[in-house]
PDB file of all heavy atoms in Angstrom:
ATOM      1  N   ALA A   1       3.772 -70.052  47.172  1.00  0.00           N
ATOM      2  CA  ALA A   1       4.772 -70.015  46.142  1.00  0.00           C
ATOM      3  C   ALA A   1       6.007 -70.850  46.542  1.00  0.00           C
ATOM      4  O   ALA A   1       6.602 -71.512  45.731  1.00  0.00           O
ATOM      5  CB  ALA A   1       5.210 -68.551  45.935  1.00  0.00           C
ATOM      6  N   ALA A   2       6.304 -70.826  47.830  1.00  0.00           N
ATOM      7  CA  ALA A   2       7.470 -71.578  48.368  1.00  0.00           C
ATOM      8  C   ALA A   2       7.229 -73.082  48.292  1.00  0.00           C
ATOM      9  O   ALA A   2       8.163 -73.892  48.341  1.00  0.00           O
ATOM     10  CB  ALA A   2       7.725 -71.161  49.777  1.00  0.00           C
ATOM     11  N   LYS A   3       5.956 -73.530  48.159  1.00  0.00           N
ATOM     12  CA  LYS A   3       5.660 -74.957  48.150  1.00  0.00           C
ATOM     13  C   LYS A   3       5.457 -75.504  46.727  1.00  0.00           C
ATOM     14  O   LYS A   3       5.127 -76.655  46.524  1.00  0.00           O
ATOM     15  CB  LYS A   3       4.322 -75.169  48.921  1.00  0.00           C
ATOM     16  CG  LYS A   3       4.414 -74.776  50.364  1.00  0.00           C
ATOM     17  CD  LYS A   3       4.831 -75.879  51.313  1.00  0.00           C
ATOM     18  CE  LYS A   3       4.717 -75.483  52.766  1.00  0.00           C
ATOM     19  NZ  LYS A   3       4.970 -76.602  53.652  1.00  0.00           N
ATOM     20  N   ARG A   4       5.588 -74.648  45.711  1.00  0.00           N
ATOM     21  CA  ARG A   4       5.375 -75.137  44.374  1.00  0.00           C
ATOM     22  C   ARG A   4       6.352 -76.205  44.022  1.00  0.00           C
ATOM     23  O   ARG A   4       7.515 -76.146  44.321  1.00  0.00           O
ATOM     24  CB  ARG A   4       5.558 -73.938  43.371  1.00  0.00           C
ATOM     25  CG  ARG A   4       4.484 -72.909  43.388  1.00  0.00           C
ATOM     26  CD  ARG A   4       4.687 -71.822  42.372  1.00  0.00           C
ATOM     27  NE  ARG A   4       3.762 -70.709  42.605  1.00  0.00           N
ATOM     28  CZ  ARG A   4       3.924 -69.493  42.088  1.00  0.00           C
ATOM     29  NH1 ARG A   4       4.847 -69.314  41.142  1.00  0.00           N
ATOM     30  NH2 ARG A   4       3.022 -68.537  42.340  1.00  0.00           N
ATOM     31  N   GLY A   5       5.833 -77.224  43.409  1.00  0.00           N
ATOM     32  CA  GLY A   5       6.655 -78.356  43.029  1.00  0.00           C
ATOM     33  C   GLY A   5       6.902 -79.381  44.110  1.00  0.00           C
ATOM     34  O   GLY A   5       7.394 -80.483  43.833  1.00  0.00           O
ATOM     35  N   HIS A   6       6.466 -79.039  45.349  1.00  0.00           N
ATOM     36  CA  HIS A   6       6.718 -79.991  46.445  1.00  0.00           C
ATOM     37  C   HIS A   6       5.950 -79.486  47.658  1.00  0.00           C
ATOM     38  O   HIS A   6       6.419 -78.698  48.484  1.00  0.00           O
ATOM     39  CB  HIS A   6       8.250 -80.100  46.772  1.00  0.00           C
ATOM     40  CG  HIS A   6       8.546 -81.085  47.874  1.00  0.00           C
ATOM     41  ND1 HIS A   6       7.753 -82.146  48.145  1.00  0.00           N
ATOM     42  CD2 HIS A   6       9.643 -81.160  48.692  1.00  0.00           C
ATOM     43  CE1 HIS A   6       8.344 -82.876  49.147  1.00  0.00           C
ATOM     44  NE2 HIS A   6       9.461 -82.262  49.427  1.00  0.00           N
ATOM     45  N   GLY A   7       4.706 -80.030  47.797  1.00  0.00           N
ATOM     46  CA  GLY A   7       3.810 -79.562  48.825  1.00  0.00           C
ATOM     47  C   GLY A   7       4.282 -79.811  50.222  1.00  0.00           C
ATOM     48  O   GLY A   7       3.860 -79.167  51.189  1.00  0.00           O
ATOM     49  N   GLN A   8       5.197 -80.784  50.402  1.00  0.00           N
ATOM     50  CA  GLN A   8       5.717 -81.176  51.744  1.00  0.00           C
ATOM     51  C   GLN A   8       7.036 -80.431  52.028  1.00  0.00           C
ATOM     52  O   GLN A   8       7.731 -80.795  52.996  1.00  0.00           O
ATOM     53  CB  GLN A   8       5.912 -82.693  51.877  1.00  0.00           C
ATOM     54  CG  GLN A   8       4.586 -83.426  51.957  1.00  0.00           C
ATOM     55  CD  GLN A   8       3.847 -83.037  53.203  1.00  0.00           C
ATOM     56  OE1 GLN A   8       4.304 -83.101  54.304  1.00  0.00           O
ATOM     57  NE2 GLN A   8       2.591 -82.602  53.030  1.00  0.00           N
ATOM     58  N   ARG A   9       7.436 -79.495  51.211  1.00  0.00           N
ATOM     59  CA  ARG A   9       8.659 -78.698  51.515  1.00  0.00           C
ATOM     60  C   ARG A   9       8.456 -77.919  52.767  1.00  0.00           C
ATOM     61  O   ARG A   9       7.393 -77.314  53.017  1.00  0.00           O
ATOM     62  CB  ARG A   9       8.927 -77.804  50.330  1.00  0.00           C
ATOM     63  CG  ARG A   9      10.197 -76.995  50.435  1.00  0.00           C
ATOM     64  CD  ARG A   9      10.438 -76.071  49.240  1.00  0.00           C
ATOM     65  NE  ARG A   9      10.665 -76.942  48.037  1.00  0.00           N
ATOM     66  CZ  ARG A   9       9.951 -76.777  46.919  1.00  0.00           C
ATOM     67  NH1 ARG A   9       8.975 -75.899  46.844  1.00  0.00           N
ATOM     68  NH2 ARG A   9      10.250 -77.561  45.895  1.00  0.00           N
ATOM     69  N   LEU A  10       9.460 -77.848  53.617  1.00  0.00           N
ATOM     70  CA  LEU A  10       9.406 -77.110  54.876  1.00  0.00           C
ATOM     71  C   LEU A  10       9.708 -75.616  54.661  1.00  0.00           C
ATOM     72  O   LEU A  10      10.586 -75.277  53.857  1.00  0.00           O
ATOM     73  CB  LEU A  10      10.430 -77.694  55.885  1.00  0.00           C
ATOM     74  CG  LEU A  10      10.271 -79.207  56.174  1.00  0.00           C
ATOM     75  CD1 LEU A  10      11.351 -79.611  57.186  1.00  0.00           C
ATOM     76  CD2 LEU A  10       8.882 -79.505  56.701  1.00  0.00           C
ATOM     77  N   VAL A  11       9.002 -74.806  55.340  1.00  0.00           N
ATOM     78  CA  VAL A  11       9.135 -73.371  55.245  1.00  0.00           C
ATOM     79  C   VAL A  11       9.225 -72.748  56.655  1.00  0.00           C
ATOM     80  O   VAL A  11       8.503 -73.150  57.567  1.00  0.00           O
ATOM     81  CB  VAL A  11       7.902 -72.739  54.515  1.00  0.00           C
ATOM     82  CG1 VAL A  11       7.965 -71.219  54.544  1.00  0.00           C
ATOM     83  CG2 VAL A  11       7.925 -73.199  53.052  1.00  0.00           C
ATOM     84  N   SER A  12      10.148 -71.773  56.814  1.00  0.00           N
ATOM     85  CA  SER A  12      10.282 -71.061  58.046  1.00  0.00           C
ATOM     86  C   SER A  12      10.497 -69.602  57.789  1.00  0.00           C
ATOM     87  O   SER A  12      11.202 -69.178  56.860  1.00  0.00           O
ATOM     88  CB  SER A  12      11.484 -71.619  58.862  1.00  0.00           C
ATOM     89  OG  SER A  12      11.612 -70.941  60.097  1.00  0.00           O
ATOM     90  N   TYR A  13       9.984 -68.723  58.656  1.00  0.00           N
ATOM     91  CA  TYR A  13      10.153 -67.299  58.618  1.00  0.00           C
ATOM     92  C   TYR A  13      10.898 -66.877  59.896  1.00  0.00           C
ATOM     93  O   TYR A  13      10.458 -67.214  61.008  1.00  0.00           O
ATOM     94  CB  TYR A  13       8.870 -66.507  58.521  1.00  0.00           C
ATOM     95  CG  TYR A  13       8.131 -66.799  57.249  1.00  0.00           C
ATOM     96  CD1 TYR A  13       6.951 -67.601  57.215  1.00  0.00           C
ATOM     97  CD2 TYR A  13       8.549 -66.236  56.014  1.00  0.00           C
ATOM     98  CE1 TYR A  13       6.303 -67.855  56.017  1.00  0.00           C
ATOM     99  CE2 TYR A  13       7.850 -66.499  54.833  1.00  0.00           C
ATOM    100  CZ  TYR A  13       6.757 -67.271  54.867  1.00  0.00           C
ATOM    101  OH  TYR A  13       6.087 -67.530  53.643  1.00  0.00           O
ATOM    102  N   ASN A  14      11.983 -66.117  59.724  1.00  0.00           N
ATOM    103  CA  ASN A  14      12.821 -65.756  60.867  1.00  0.00           C
ATOM    104  C   ASN A  14      12.383 -64.410  61.470  1.00  0.00           C
ATOM    105  O   ASN A  14      12.612 -63.338  60.877  1.00  0.00           O
ATOM    106  CB  ASN A  14      14.310 -65.634  60.412  1.00  0.00           C
ATOM    107  CG  ASN A  14      15.197 -65.224  61.507  1.00  0.00           C
ATOM    108  OD1 ASN A  14      14.981 -65.561  62.697  1.00  0.00           O
ATOM    109  ND2 ASN A  14      16.225 -64.464  61.170  1.00  0.00           N
ATOM    110  N   PRO A  15      11.856 -64.403  62.702  1.00  0.00           N
ATOM    111  CA  PRO A  15      11.398 -63.096  63.289  1.00  0.00           C
ATOM    112  C   PRO A  15      12.574 -62.382  63.990  1.00  0.00           C
ATOM    113  O   PRO A  15      12.378 -61.283  64.450  1.00  0.00           O
ATOM    114  CB  PRO A  15      10.358 -63.543  64.273  1.00  0.00           C
ATOM    115  CG  PRO A  15      10.658 -64.952  64.629  1.00  0.00           C
ATOM    116  CD  PRO A  15      11.378 -65.566  63.457  1.00  0.00           C
ATOM    117  N   GLY A  16      13.751 -63.037  64.063  1.00  0.00           N
ATOM    118  CA  GLY A  16      14.875 -62.326  64.716  1.00  0.00           C
ATOM    119  C   GLY A  16      15.836 -63.345  65.371  1.00  0.00           C
ATOM    120  O   GLY A  16      15.552 -64.576  65.457  1.00  0.00           O
ATOM    121  N   MET A  17      17.055 -62.827  65.748  1.00  0.00           N
ATOM    122  CA  MET A  17      18.103 -63.743  66.145  1.00  0.00           C
ATOM    123  C   MET A  17      18.005 -64.240  67.581  1.00  0.00           C
ATOM    124  O   MET A  17      18.471 -65.334  67.867  1.00  0.00           O
ATOM    125  CB  MET A  17      19.482 -63.006  65.922  1.00  0.00           C
ATOM    126  CG  MET A  17      20.680 -63.952  66.189  1.00  0.00           C
ATOM    127  SD  MET A  17      22.231 -63.099  65.940  1.00  0.00           S
ATOM    128  CE  MET A  17      22.275 -63.084  64.121  1.00  0.00           C
ATOM    129  N   GLN A  18      17.378 -63.479  68.497  1.00  0.00           N
ATOM    130  CA  GLN A  18      17.454 -63.858  69.870  1.00  0.00           C
ATOM    131  C   GLN A  18      16.163 -64.613  70.302  1.00  0.00           C
ATOM    132  O   GLN A  18      15.088 -64.471  69.706  1.00  0.00           O
ATOM    133  CB  GLN A  18      17.556 -62.583  70.718  1.00  0.00           C
ATOM    134  CG  GLN A  18      18.829 -61.806  70.462  1.00  0.00           C
ATOM    135  CD  GLN A  18      20.128 -62.684  70.715  1.00  0.00           C
ATOM    136  OE1 GLN A  18      20.125 -63.501  71.607  1.00  0.00           O
ATOM    137  NE2 GLN A  18      21.140 -62.439  69.874  1.00  0.00           N
ATOM    138  N   PRO A  19      16.309 -65.480  71.343  1.00  0.00           N
ATOM    139  CA  PRO A  19      15.158 -66.342  71.797  1.00  0.00           C
ATOM    140  C   PRO A  19      13.930 -65.562  72.082  1.00  0.00           C
ATOM    141  O   PRO A  19      12.811 -66.073  71.864  1.00  0.00           O
ATOM    142  CB  PRO A  19      15.732 -67.022  73.047  1.00  0.00           C
ATOM    143  CG  PRO A  19      17.205 -67.096  72.763  1.00  0.00           C
ATOM    144  CD  PRO A  19      17.525 -65.847  72.071  1.00  0.00           C
ATOM    145  N   HIS A  20      14.022 -64.349  72.573  1.00  0.00           N
ATOM    146  CA  HIS A  20      12.778 -63.586  72.954  1.00  0.00           C
ATOM    147  C   HIS A  20      12.002 -63.163  71.668  1.00  0.00           C
ATOM    148  O   HIS A  20      10.897 -62.697  71.755  1.00  0.00           O
ATOM    149  CB  HIS A  20      13.108 -62.355  73.810  1.00  0.00           C
ATOM    150  CG  HIS A  20      13.830 -61.250  73.063  1.00  0.00           C
ATOM    151  ND1 HIS A  20      15.177 -61.271  72.847  1.00  0.00           N
ATOM    152  CD2 HIS A  20      13.366 -60.134  72.495  1.00  0.00           C
ATOM    153  CE1 HIS A  20      15.541 -60.166  72.211  1.00  0.00           C
ATOM    154  NE2 HIS A  20      14.435 -59.416  71.996  1.00  0.00           N
ATOM    155  N   LEU A  21      12.645 -63.310  70.475  1.00  0.00           N
ATOM    156  CA  LEU A  21      11.961 -63.013  69.258  1.00  0.00           C
ATOM    157  C   LEU A  21      11.469 -64.257  68.521  1.00  0.00           C
ATOM    158  O   LEU A  21      10.588 -64.162  67.656  1.00  0.00           O
ATOM    159  CB  LEU A  21      12.931 -62.255  68.306  1.00  0.00           C
ATOM    160  CG  LEU A  21      13.520 -60.938  68.823  1.00  0.00           C
ATOM    161  CD1 LEU A  21      14.591 -60.442  67.871  1.00  0.00           C
ATOM    162  CD2 LEU A  21      12.487 -59.890  69.036  1.00  0.00           C
ATOM    163  N   TRP A  22      12.049 -65.405  68.815  1.00  0.00           N
ATOM    164  CA  TRP A  22      11.834 -66.610  68.020  1.00  0.00           C
ATOM    165  C   TRP A  22      10.392 -66.988  67.803  1.00  0.00           C
ATOM    166  O   TRP A  22      10.040 -67.499  66.714  1.00  0.00           O
ATOM    167  CB  TRP A  22      12.536 -67.804  68.681  1.00  0.00           C
ATOM    168  CG  TRP A  22      14.030 -67.854  68.574  1.00  0.00           C
ATOM    169  CD1 TRP A  22      14.804 -67.070  67.736  1.00  0.00           C
ATOM    170  CD2 TRP A  22      14.893 -68.678  69.232  1.00  0.00           C
ATOM    171  NE1 TRP A  22      16.111 -67.411  67.898  1.00  0.00           N
ATOM    172  CE2 TRP A  22      16.228 -68.430  68.805  1.00  0.00           C
ATOM    173  CE3 TRP A  22      14.706 -69.683  70.164  1.00  0.00           C
ATOM    174  CZ2 TRP A  22      17.297 -69.085  69.306  1.00  0.00           C
ATOM    175  CZ3 TRP A  22      15.815 -70.364  70.723  1.00  0.00           C
ATOM    176  CH2 TRP A  22      17.083 -70.115  70.260  1.00  0.00           C
ATOM    177  N   TYR A  23       9.544 -66.820  68.770  1.00  0.00           N
ATOM    178  CA  TYR A  23       8.267 -67.489  68.808  1.00  0.00           C
ATOM    179  C   TYR A  23       7.125 -66.601  68.165  1.00  0.00           C
ATOM    180  O   TYR A  23       6.012 -67.082  68.127  1.00  0.00           O
ATOM    181  CB  TYR A  23       7.896 -67.949  70.200  1.00  0.00           C
ATOM    182  CG  TYR A  23       8.998 -68.806  70.765  1.00  0.00           C
ATOM    183  CD1 TYR A  23       9.796 -68.440  71.857  1.00  0.00           C
ATOM    184  CD2 TYR A  23       9.277 -70.050  70.130  1.00  0.00           C
ATOM    185  CE1 TYR A  23      10.844 -69.204  72.310  1.00  0.00           C
ATOM    186  CE2 TYR A  23      10.323 -70.850  70.632  1.00  0.00           C
ATOM    187  CZ  TYR A  23      11.119 -70.419  71.700  1.00  0.00           C
ATOM    188  OH  TYR A  23      12.142 -71.211  72.165  1.00  0.00           O
ATOM    189  N   PHE A  24       7.476 -65.390  67.772  1.00  0.00           N
ATOM    190  CA  PHE A  24       6.441 -64.597  67.048  1.00  0.00           C
ATOM    191  C   PHE A  24       6.167 -65.224  65.717  1.00  0.00           C
ATOM    192  O   PHE A  24       7.072 -65.686  64.959  1.00  0.00           O
ATOM    193  CB  PHE A  24       6.977 -63.157  66.846  1.00  0.00           C
ATOM    194  CG  PHE A  24       6.012 -62.305  66.122  1.00  0.00           C
ATOM    195  CD1 PHE A  24       4.917 -61.740  66.743  1.00  0.00           C
ATOM    196  CD2 PHE A  24       6.129 -62.142  64.759  1.00  0.00           C
ATOM    197  CE1 PHE A  24       3.996 -60.941  66.058  1.00  0.00           C
ATOM    198  CE2 PHE A  24       5.205 -61.360  64.045  1.00  0.00           C
ATOM    199  CZ  PHE A  24       4.210 -60.736  64.666  1.00  0.00           C
ATOM    200  N   LEU A  25       4.887 -65.247  65.342  1.00  0.00           N
ATOM    201  CA  LEU A  25       4.456 -65.801  64.026  1.00  0.00           C
ATOM    202  C   LEU A  25       3.923 -64.708  63.114  1.00  0.00           C
ATOM    203  O   LEU A  25       2.905 -64.074  63.464  1.00  0.00           O
ATOM    204  CB  LEU A  25       3.381 -66.827  64.291  1.00  0.00           C
ATOM    205  CG  LEU A  25       3.761 -68.132  65.007  1.00  0.00           C
ATOM    206  CD1 LEU A  25       2.496 -68.976  65.276  1.00  0.00           C
ATOM    207  CD2 LEU A  25       4.770 -68.941  64.176  1.00  0.00           C
ATOM    208  N   TYR A  26       4.632 -64.472  62.044  1.00  0.00           N
ATOM    209  CA  TYR A  26       4.052 -63.625  60.983  1.00  0.00           C
ATOM    210  C   TYR A  26       2.878 -64.265  60.316  1.00  0.00           C
ATOM    211  O   TYR A  26       1.970 -63.603  59.860  1.00  0.00           O
ATOM    212  CB  TYR A  26       5.108 -63.267  59.932  1.00  0.00           C
ATOM    213  CG  TYR A  26       6.144 -62.278  60.452  1.00  0.00           C
ATOM    214  CD1 TYR A  26       7.357 -62.690  60.956  1.00  0.00           C
ATOM    215  CD2 TYR A  26       5.884 -60.930  60.438  1.00  0.00           C
ATOM    216  CE1 TYR A  26       8.309 -61.818  61.457  1.00  0.00           C
ATOM    217  CE2 TYR A  26       6.809 -59.988  60.925  1.00  0.00           C
ATOM    218  CZ  TYR A  26       8.021 -60.454  61.414  1.00  0.00           C
ATOM    219  OH  TYR A  26       8.912 -59.534  61.923  1.00  0.00           O
ATOM    220  N   THR A  27       2.911 -65.579  60.346  1.00  0.00           N
ATOM    221  CA  THR A  27       1.811 -66.369  59.795  1.00  0.00           C
ATOM    222  C   THR A  27       1.868 -67.785  60.359  1.00  0.00           C
ATOM    223  O   THR A  27       3.010 -68.283  60.702  1.00  0.00           O
ATOM    224  CB  THR A  27       1.877 -66.480  58.245  1.00  0.00           C
ATOM    225  OG1 THR A  27       0.838 -67.359  57.760  1.00  0.00           O
ATOM    226  CG2 THR A  27       3.194 -66.960  57.752  1.00  0.00           C
ATOM    227  N   THR A  28       0.756 -68.458  60.491  1.00  0.00           N
ATOM    228  CA  THR A  28       0.788 -69.883  60.893  1.00  0.00           C
ATOM    229  C   THR A  28       1.117 -70.741  59.673  1.00  0.00           C
ATOM    230  O   THR A  28       1.339 -71.960  59.857  1.00  0.00           O
ATOM    231  CB  THR A  28      -0.601 -70.307  61.459  1.00  0.00           C
ATOM    232  OG1 THR A  28      -1.589 -70.019  60.412  1.00  0.00           O
ATOM    233  CG2 THR A  28      -0.898 -69.501  62.712  1.00  0.00           C
ATOM    234  N   HIS A  29       1.211 -70.163  58.492  1.00  0.00           N
ATOM    235  CA  HIS A  29       1.500 -70.950  57.274  1.00  0.00           C
ATOM    236  C   HIS A  29       2.996 -71.117  57.165  1.00  0.00           C
ATOM    237  O   HIS A  29       3.680 -70.641  56.240  1.00  0.00           O
ATOM    238  CB  HIS A  29       0.924 -70.246  56.077  1.00  0.00           C
ATOM    239  CG  HIS A  29      -0.550 -70.278  55.987  1.00  0.00           C
ATOM    240  ND1 HIS A  29      -1.250 -70.405  54.871  1.00  0.00           N
ATOM    241  CD2 HIS A  29      -1.501 -70.213  56.984  1.00  0.00           C
ATOM    242  CE1 HIS A  29      -2.557 -70.468  55.098  1.00  0.00           C
ATOM    243  NE2 HIS A  29      -2.717 -70.313  56.415  1.00  0.00           N
ATOM    244  N   GLN A  30       3.548 -71.869  58.116  1.00  0.00           N
ATOM    245  CA  GLN A  30       4.979 -72.267  58.067  1.00  0.00           C
ATOM    246  C   GLN A  30       5.124 -73.509  58.891  1.00  0.00           C
ATOM    247  O   GLN A  30       4.201 -73.933  59.605  1.00  0.00           O
ATOM    248  CB  GLN A  30       5.894 -71.158  58.619  1.00  0.00           C
ATOM    249  CG  GLN A  30       5.511 -70.651  60.025  1.00  0.00           C
ATOM    250  CD  GLN A  30       6.440 -69.527  60.474  1.00  0.00           C
ATOM    251  OE1 GLN A  30       7.650 -69.607  60.396  1.00  0.00           O
ATOM    252  NE2 GLN A  30       5.812 -68.413  60.869  1.00  0.00           N
ATOM    253  N   ASP A  31       6.315 -74.131  58.906  1.00  0.00           N
ATOM    254  CA  ASP A  31       6.427 -75.503  59.358  1.00  0.00           C
ATOM    255  C   ASP A  31       7.408 -75.692  60.484  1.00  0.00           C
ATOM    256  O   ASP A  31       7.253 -76.684  61.281  1.00  0.00           O
ATOM    257  CB  ASP A  31       6.778 -76.421  58.215  1.00  0.00           C
ATOM    258  CG  ASP A  31       5.869 -76.284  57.050  1.00  0.00           C
ATOM    259  OD1 ASP A  31       4.680 -76.567  57.157  1.00  0.00           O
ATOM    260  OD2 ASP A  31       6.313 -75.813  55.971  1.00  0.00           O
ATOM    261  N   TYR A  32       8.478 -74.936  60.540  1.00  0.00           N
ATOM    262  CA  TYR A  32       9.445 -75.151  61.587  1.00  0.00           C
ATOM    263  C   TYR A  32      10.040 -73.803  62.064  1.00  0.00           C
ATOM    264  O   TYR A  32       9.935 -72.759  61.394  1.00  0.00           O
ATOM    265  CB  TYR A  32      10.589 -76.078  61.090  1.00  0.00           C
ATOM    266  CG  TYR A  32      11.540 -75.460  60.037  1.00  0.00           C
ATOM    267  CD1 TYR A  32      12.828 -74.998  60.374  1.00  0.00           C
ATOM    268  CD2 TYR A  32      11.165 -75.348  58.698  1.00  0.00           C
ATOM    269  CE1 TYR A  32      13.663 -74.512  59.432  1.00  0.00           C
ATOM    270  CE2 TYR A  32      12.020 -74.843  57.737  1.00  0.00           C
ATOM    271  CZ  TYR A  32      13.245 -74.407  58.125  1.00  0.00           C
ATOM    272  OH  TYR A  32      14.093 -73.851  57.181  1.00  0.00           O
ATOM    273  N   LEU A  33      10.631 -73.871  63.262  1.00  0.00           N
ATOM    274  CA  LEU A  33      11.116 -72.660  63.909  1.00  0.00           C
ATOM    275  C   LEU A  33      12.435 -72.256  63.288  1.00  0.00           C
ATOM    276  O   LEU A  33      13.322 -73.067  63.044  1.00  0.00           O
ATOM    277  CB  LEU A  33      11.367 -72.932  65.407  1.00  0.00           C
ATOM    278  CG  LEU A  33      11.730 -71.723  66.264  1.00  0.00           C
ATOM    279  CD1 LEU A  33      10.457 -70.941  66.562  1.00  0.00           C
ATOM    280  CD2 LEU A  33      12.354 -72.219  67.597  1.00  0.00           C
TER     281      LEU A  33
END
């Protein structure tokens, strides 16, 4: 849904504010940290 109208649009999901949380992936279907 987030890519509608522009397949190359970048998408990111925020797992939390601190570095020890950053690298968790709710899904691999995202593009940047």
